Amino acid sequence: MFIIRQEQEKDIQTITEVNNAAFEGEGEAKLVEATRASANFVPELSLVAVTDDVIGHILFSKIEIETNKGRVPTLGLAPMAVRPDFQSKGIGSALVREGLRMCRELGYEHVVVLGHPAFYPRFGFEPASKKGIEPPFPVADEAFMVLEIKPGSLNGISGVVKYPPAFDVV
């Protein structure tokens, strides 16, 4: 049994450890640290799954879509990590569902993710190209996805996602 809640200062070291273990490297943990120290950080959207300790983490942060009419604010889901010994137990799915619920509650309209094409579509994500949204770097079309939290919110919007400097550490 686990609960999902907003990260607390006491969780920071364990969040780093969870990301390092899940991704077998430090890039994603450095992304979390850099985002946390930036204006793109939304504290309510850094969530942890907790038993006796943190076993999973998800982060949504502010990014933009650069269009020919200017920049459109959106959210990026990155990273989402579950400790390896707790994977395949529904924790990642619960983090995504609760994160998207919080995004909706806070009034955000859409979310972009670069992730597993077999995992994220179950939450409504679809290839971003179907909505006219392009990645800023070469990536498989099916792995770069978007979700309209508010249906129709991407109508008339097309462009390239612009990640903030925090993403340069990955």
Protein backbone atom coordinates (compact mmCIF):
# COMPACT_ATOMS: atom_id res chain seq x y z
CA MET A 1 0.00 0.00 0.00
CA PHE A 2 1.25 3.48 -0.82
CA ILE A 3 0.05 7.07 -0.82
CA ILE A 4 0.73 9.84 -3.31
CA ARG A 5 1.48 13.32 -2.07
CA GLN A 6 3.42 16.44 -2.97
CA GLU A 7 7.17 16.17 -2.44
CA GLN A 8 8.55 17.56 0.80
CA GLU A 9 12.05 18.79 1.54
CA LYS A 10 12.79 15.59 3.47
CA ASP A 11 12.12 13.59 0.25
CA ILE A 12 14.71 15.30 -1.96
CA GLN A 13 17.61 12.87 -1.41
CA THR A 14 15.39 9.81 -1.82
CA ILE A 15 13.84 11.27 -5.00
CA THR A 16 17.38 11.52 -6.39
CA GLU A 17 18.07 7.90 -5.43
CA VAL A 18 14.79 6.67 -6.98
CA ASN A 19 15.53 8.44 -10.28
CA ASN A 20 19.14 7.20 -10.36
CA ALA A 21 18.03 3.61 -9.74
CA ALA A 22 15.11 3.69 -12.19
CA PHE A 23 17.11 5.25 -15.02
CA GLU A 24 20.50 3.66 -14.17
CA GLY A 25 22.19 7.05 -14.35
CA GLU A 26 22.12 10.57 -12.97
CA GLY A 27 20.59 12.53 -15.87
CA GLU A 28 16.97 12.46 -14.74
CA ALA A 29 17.84 13.23 -11.11
CA LYS A 30 19.88 16.22 -12.32
CA LEU A 31 16.87 17.30 -14.40
CA VAL A 32 14.70 17.23 -11.26
CA GLU A 33 17.28 19.25 -9.30
CA ALA A 34 17.71 21.83 -12.07
CA THR A 35 13.94 22.15 -12.55
CA ARG A 36 13.36 22.52 -8.83
CA ALA A 37 15.80 25.47 -8.84
CA SER A 38 14.10 27.18 -11.81
CA ALA A 39 11.06 29.33 -12.50
CA ASN A 40 9.59 26.36 -14.40
CA PHE A 41 9.06 24.37 -11.20
CA VAL A 42 5.48 23.86 -10.02
CA PRO A 43 5.74 22.50 -6.45
CA GLU A 44 2.21 21.04 -6.55
CA LEU A 45 3.22 18.94 -9.55
CA SER A 46 6.23 17.19 -8.01
CA LEU A 47 4.56 14.12 -6.54
CA VAL A 48 5.90 11.12 -4.69
CA ALA A 49 4.55 7.64 -4.03
CA VAL A 50 5.36 6.69 -0.45
CA THR A 51 5.24 3.56 1.68
CA ASP A 52 7.73 3.81 4.55
CA ASP A 53 9.90 5.80 2.14
CA VAL A 54 9.66 7.32 -1.35
CA ILE A 55 9.26 4.55 -3.94
CA GLY A 56 8.21 6.67 -6.93
CA HIS A 57 8.30 10.22 -8.24
CA ILE A 58 6.73 12.21 -11.07
CA LEU A 59 7.42 15.78 -12.14
CA PHE A 60 5.44 18.09 -14.40
CA SER A 61 7.07 21.44 -15.18
CA LYS A 62 6.40 24.48 -17.34
CA ILE A 63 7.60 24.33 -20.93
CA GLU A 64 6.45 26.05 -24.14
CA ILE A 65 5.34 25.38 -27.67
CA GLU A 66 6.88 27.85 -30.09
CA THR A 67 4.34 28.70 -32.82
CA ASN A 68 4.39 31.19 -35.67
CA LYS A 69 2.15 33.38 -33.46
CA GLY A 70 4.33 33.24 -30.34
CA ARG A 71 4.91 30.89 -27.44
CA VAL A 72 2.15 28.82 -25.86
CA PRO A 73 2.67 27.64 -22.27
CA THR A 74 2.24 23.95 -21.58
CA LEU A 75 3.60 21.30 -19.23
CA GLY A 76 6.26 18.66 -19.71
CA LEU A 77 6.01 15.36 -17.88
CA ALA A 78 9.58 14.40 -17.05
CA PRO A 79 10.73 12.35 -15.38
CA MET A 80 8.54 9.63 -13.92
CA ALA A 81 10.44 7.04 -11.94
CA VAL A 82 9.64 4.05 -9.74
CA ARG A 83 12.21 2.19 -7.68
CA PRO A 84 13.11 -0.98 -9.62
CA ASP A 85 11.91 -3.33 -6.86
CA PHE A 86 8.47 -1.66 -6.96
CA GLN A 87 8.02 -1.52 -10.75
CA SER A 88 5.12 -3.28 -12.50
CA LYS A 89 2.88 -2.85 -9.45
CA GLY A 90 0.74 0.06 -10.68
CA ILE A 91 2.74 2.79 -8.94
CA GLY A 92 3.78 4.57 -12.12
CA SER A 93 0.21 4.49 -13.42
CA ALA A 94 -1.09 5.88 -10.12
CA LEU A 95 1.50 8.69 -10.25
CA VAL A 96 0.48 9.60 -13.81
CA ARG A 97 -3.25 9.56 -12.99
CA GLU A 98 -2.82 11.68 -9.85
CA GLY A 99 -0.42 14.03 -11.63
CA LEU A 100 -2.86 14.59 -14.47
CA ARG A 101 -5.66 15.15 -11.97
CA MET A 102 -3.56 17.82 -10.27
CA CYS A 103 -2.68 19.41 -13.63
CA ARG A 104 -6.40 19.64 -14.43
CA GLU A 105 -7.19 21.02 -10.97
CA LEU A 106 -4.51 23.71 -11.39
CA GLY A 107 -5.98 24.75 -14.75
CA TYR A 108 -3.34 23.45 -17.14
CA GLU A 109 -4.65 22.51 -20.57
CA HIS A 110 -2.10 20.11 -22.09
CA VAL A 111 0.97 18.01 -21.32
CA VAL A 112 3.87 16.80 -23.46
CA VAL A 113 5.87 13.65 -22.72
CA LEU A 114 8.76 11.81 -24.33
CA GLY A 115 8.14 8.29 -23.12
CA HIS A 116 7.23 4.70 -23.73
CA PRO A 117 4.61 4.45 -26.49
CA ALA A 118 3.13 1.33 -24.87
CA PHE A 119 2.62 3.07 -21.49
CA TYR A 120 1.42 6.66 -21.91
CA PRO A 121 -1.42 6.14 -24.44
CA ARG A 122 -3.45 4.36 -21.74
CA PHE A 123 -3.83 7.81 -20.10
CA GLY A 124 -4.93 9.50 -23.32
CA PHE A 125 -1.55 10.57 -24.70
CA GLU A 126 -1.17 10.37 -28.46
CA PRO A 127 1.65 11.16 -30.88
CA ALA A 128 2.16 14.92 -30.72
CA SER A 129 2.48 15.03 -34.50
CA LYS A 130 -1.27 14.30 -34.74
CA LYS A 131 -1.85 17.69 -33.08
CA GLY A 132 0.80 19.54 -35.08
CA ILE A 133 3.29 19.58 -32.20
CA GLU A 134 6.89 18.70 -33.02
CA PRO A 135 9.86 17.73 -30.85
CA PRO A 136 12.91 20.00 -30.76
CA PHE A 137 15.22 17.07 -31.56
CA PRO A 138 15.05 13.84 -33.58
CA VAL A 139 12.94 11.23 -31.80
CA ALA A 140 10.59 8.41 -32.77
CA ASP A 141 7.18 9.87 -33.61
CA GLU A 142 5.31 7.41 -31.40
CA ALA A 143 7.48 8.27 -28.34
CA PHE A 144 6.84 12.04 -28.40
CA MET A 145 3.29 12.46 -27.17
CA VAL A 146 0.78 15.03 -26.02
CA LEU A 147 -2.40 14.96 -23.97
CA GLU A 148 -5.12 17.58 -24.07
CA ILE A 149 -6.24 17.87 -20.46
CA LYS A 150 -8.85 20.31 -21.70
CA PRO A 151 -10.34 18.81 -24.89
CA GLY A 152 -9.75 20.97 -27.94
CA SER A 153 -7.12 23.11 -26.19
CA LEU A 154 -4.56 22.44 -28.93
CA ASN A 155 -6.92 23.30 -31.79
CA GLY A 156 -5.22 25.87 -33.99
CA ILE A 157 -1.87 25.44 -32.22
CA SER A 158 1.08 23.95 -34.04
CA GLY A 159 4.77 24.35 -33.47
CA VAL A 160 7.91 23.04 -31.83
CA VAL A 161 8.25 22.26 -28.13
CA LYS A 162 10.87 24.38 -26.37
CA TYR A 163 12.35 22.89 -23.24
CA PRO A 164 13.94 25.17 -20.64
CA PRO A 165 17.67 24.99 -19.85
CA ALA A 166 17.08 22.50 -17.00
CA PHE A 167 16.51 19.82 -19.67
CA ASP A 168 20.03 20.33 -21.04
CA VAL A 169 21.42 18.14 -18.20
CA VAL A 170 19.75 15.00 -19.59
